[in-house]
Every structure is written in structure tokens, then in C-alpha cells.
Amino acid sequence: MDFYTKMLDVDGNNTVMELWDTAGQERFRAMTRTYFRRADGVLLLYDVTYERSFLNVREWVNAIEEGAVKKLPIMLVGNKTDLRDDMEKQGRRVVRYEDGLRLSKEIDALFIETSAKDGSNITEAVIELTRWVEDSIILAWL
């Protein structure tokens, strides 16, 4: 498991984030539930070139709901978009944008597609989730 601390300016506000990366590995599943208790939001990634990772999203949403003490904002992220066309040409099943968008609506999550390889939409995903978390915190105080 990897841990990162990142400072990010979001709309003029300095935000400090702790990012816990489990890479979706089963051996970390029990441990992640304790992190959900302290979390303010979740970036839930799946691989658009690996349908199984997409099918596991619902299980992770259940784990989030079981571990969290409150309803957590979720940003559903389809990653590896730079590889999708090549995989599809090779006859592999891929996850289409529309499928991710539909699932995000079903689980009441934000949605974005990214490529860690070329950096597209990575910062945007984190910023949008941060905005949603900040809005949630503000609304909770009203």
C-alpha cells in the first residue's frame, strides 16, 4: 500500500490531502475499512481495459458504505483511457465511457475518465472531488 500527502490549491483554498493507494488488492480490503472511517471522500478507480476491475466497483462501494461513519463523496474514475482503443482493436473487452457514467449515477458518484500515463484529467479528478467534499462540509455546518 502506498501513502501520499499532497497540497493542492482549490479555488484559492490550500487543501492537504492524504491519499491511500491499495491498488484494489484483496489483501488490503479489511484494512481499508478503517481508513474509510477517517476519510472525507474516495477516489474509486477501475481500469477501462480490464472489465473485472469495473465489475468490482460495487463491492468496493459496499466496503466504503460498511466502513464509513457517514456517506462519503465518491469520484468514480475510469483509468488507462490511453490504452482502450488498442485493447479494443485486439478484441479485448473494454469498459466504455457510457458504462462508467451509468454506474456513477447508480451509486451517486461523480465520474471522470483519466490516463495516468499521459496525465489527462488526474488533477481535475482530485479537484472536483475536493470541491464536492468542501461543499459537503459546508452544508453539514449550515
Protein backbone atom coordinates (compact mmCIF):
# COMPACT_ATOMS: atom_id res chain seq x y z
CA MET A 1 0.00 0.00 0.00
CA ASP A 2 1.26 3.45 -0.89
CA PHE A 3 0.61 6.66 1.02
CA TYR A 4 0.99 10.16 -0.38
CA THR A 5 0.46 13.62 1.08
CA LYS A 6 -0.33 16.32 -1.43
CA MET A 7 -1.07 20.01 -1.05
CA LEU A 8 -3.36 21.46 -3.66
CA ASP A 9 -4.81 24.91 -4.20
CA VAL A 10 -8.50 24.51 -4.91
CA ASP A 11 -10.31 27.74 -5.69
CA GLY A 12 -7.87 29.74 -3.58
CA ASN A 13 -8.01 27.39 -0.60
CA ASN A 14 -4.98 25.31 0.34
CA THR A 15 -6.07 21.73 0.80
CA VAL A 16 -3.93 18.97 2.29
CA MET A 17 -4.82 15.50 1.11
CA GLU A 18 -3.77 12.11 2.35
CA LEU A 19 -4.01 9.61 -0.48
CA TRP A 20 -4.01 5.89 0.37
CA ASP A 21 -3.44 3.65 -2.63
CA THR A 22 -4.30 -0.03 -2.18
CA ALA A 23 -4.41 -0.81 -5.91
CA GLY A 24 -7.66 -2.65 -5.16
CA GLN A 25 -5.78 -5.61 -3.75
CA GLU A 26 -7.92 -8.05 -1.78
CA ARG A 27 -5.35 -8.38 0.99
CA PHE A 28 -5.90 -4.70 1.91
CA ARG A 29 -9.71 -4.86 1.90
CA ALA A 30 -10.12 -5.35 5.66
CA MET A 31 -7.59 -2.62 6.37
CA THR A 32 -9.25 -0.10 4.05
CA ARG A 33 -12.46 -0.17 6.05
CA THR A 34 -10.64 1.55 8.91
CA TYR A 35 -9.44 4.26 6.51
CA PHE A 36 -12.99 4.87 5.35
CA ARG A 37 -13.90 5.86 8.93
CA ARG A 38 -11.49 8.81 8.69
CA ALA A 39 -11.99 9.65 5.02
CA ASP A 40 -13.77 12.73 3.70
CA GLY A 41 -14.01 11.38 0.16
CA VAL A 42 -12.97 8.46 -2.02
CA LEU A 43 -11.34 8.23 -5.44
CA LEU A 44 -12.52 4.82 -6.67
CA LEU A 45 -10.54 3.76 -9.74
CA TYR A 46 -11.07 0.99 -12.23
CA ASP A 47 -9.10 0.01 -15.32
CA VAL A 48 -11.07 0.69 -18.54
CA THR A 49 -9.08 -2.09 -20.24
CA TYR A 50 -9.88 -4.69 -17.58
CA GLU A 51 -13.60 -5.34 -17.21
CA ARG A 52 -13.15 -7.30 -13.98
CA SER A 53 -11.92 -4.18 -12.18
CA PHE A 54 -15.09 -2.38 -13.29
CA LEU A 55 -17.26 -5.25 -12.05
CA ASN A 56 -15.55 -4.98 -8.64
CA VAL A 57 -16.65 -1.36 -8.19
CA ARG A 58 -19.94 -2.33 -6.50
CA GLU A 59 -18.06 -4.47 -3.97
CA TRP A 60 -15.81 -1.52 -3.15
CA VAL A 61 -18.83 0.77 -2.80
CA ASN A 62 -20.29 -1.73 -0.31
CA ALA A 63 -16.99 -1.76 1.60
CA ILE A 64 -16.99 2.05 1.68
CA GLU A 65 -20.55 2.15 2.98
CA GLU A 66 -19.81 -0.50 5.62
CA GLY A 67 -16.63 1.19 6.83
CA ALA A 68 -17.62 4.85 6.73
CA VAL A 69 -19.31 6.65 9.60
CA LYS A 70 -21.08 8.98 7.15
CA LYS A 71 -21.98 8.97 3.47
CA LEU A 72 -18.73 9.67 1.66
CA PRO A 73 -18.50 11.52 -1.64
CA ILE A 74 -17.10 9.18 -4.29
CA MET A 75 -15.34 10.09 -7.50
CA LEU A 76 -15.54 7.08 -9.83
CA VAL A 77 -12.50 7.14 -12.10
CA GLY A 78 -12.02 5.10 -15.26
CA ASN A 79 -8.25 4.96 -15.76
CA LYS A 80 -5.96 3.89 -18.64
CA THR A 81 -8.01 5.56 -21.35
CA ASP A 82 -4.84 5.81 -23.42
CA LEU A 83 -4.93 2.01 -23.88
CA ARG A 84 -8.63 1.45 -24.53
CA ASP A 85 -8.63 1.77 -28.35
CA ASP A 86 -5.66 -0.58 -28.78
CA MET A 87 -7.18 -3.18 -26.46
CA GLU A 88 -10.49 -2.97 -28.29
CA LYS A 89 -8.72 -3.45 -31.65
CA GLN A 90 -7.12 -6.59 -30.21
CA GLY A 91 -10.59 -7.92 -29.46
CA ARG A 92 -10.43 -7.43 -25.71
CA ARG A 93 -13.49 -6.32 -23.83
CA VAL A 94 -13.19 -2.79 -22.54
CA VAL A 95 -15.31 -0.53 -20.39
CA ARG A 96 -16.91 2.28 -22.39
CA TYR A 97 -17.37 5.83 -21.09
CA GLU A 98 -21.15 5.37 -21.10
CA ASP A 99 -20.89 2.33 -18.81
CA GLY A 100 -18.84 4.26 -16.26
CA LEU A 101 -21.21 7.21 -16.41
CA ARG A 102 -24.25 4.97 -15.92
CA LEU A 103 -22.67 3.24 -12.92
CA SER A 104 -21.65 6.56 -11.37
CA LYS A 105 -25.28 7.68 -11.49
CA GLU A 106 -26.43 4.41 -9.90
CA ILE A 107 -24.00 4.79 -6.99
CA ASP A 108 -24.48 8.57 -6.73
CA ALA A 109 -20.86 9.38 -7.56
CA LEU A 110 -19.01 11.92 -9.63
CA PHE A 111 -17.41 10.45 -12.76
CA ILE A 112 -14.34 11.12 -14.85
CA GLU A 113 -12.00 9.20 -17.11
CA THR A 114 -8.25 9.60 -16.84
CA SER A 115 -4.91 8.39 -18.08
CA ALA A 116 -2.15 8.17 -15.52
CA LYS A 117 0.29 7.57 -18.37
CA ASP A 118 -0.37 10.86 -20.18
CA GLY A 119 -1.68 12.72 -17.12
CA SER A 120 -5.06 13.60 -18.58
CA ASN A 121 -7.75 14.53 -16.05
CA ILE A 122 -5.75 13.41 -13.00
CA THR A 123 -5.65 16.81 -11.33
CA GLU A 124 -9.22 17.54 -12.45
CA ALA A 125 -10.47 14.37 -10.73
CA VAL A 126 -8.87 15.33 -7.43
CA ILE A 127 -10.01 18.96 -7.65
CA GLU A 128 -13.63 18.05 -8.40
CA LEU A 129 -13.76 15.55 -5.53
CA THR A 130 -12.18 18.15 -3.22
CA ARG A 131 -14.80 20.72 -4.24
CA TRP A 132 -17.56 18.21 -3.53
CA VAL A 133 -16.04 17.33 -0.15
CA GLU A 134 -15.71 21.01 0.77
CA ASP A 135 -19.33 21.62 -0.27
CA SER A 136 -20.40 18.66 1.85
CA ILE A 137 -18.53 20.01 4.86
CA ILE A 138 -20.01 23.46 4.39
CA LEU A 139 -23.51 22.02 4.03
CA ALA A 140 -23.03 19.97 7.17
CA TRP A 141 -22.39 23.14 9.15
CA LEU A 142 -25.44 25.01 7.87
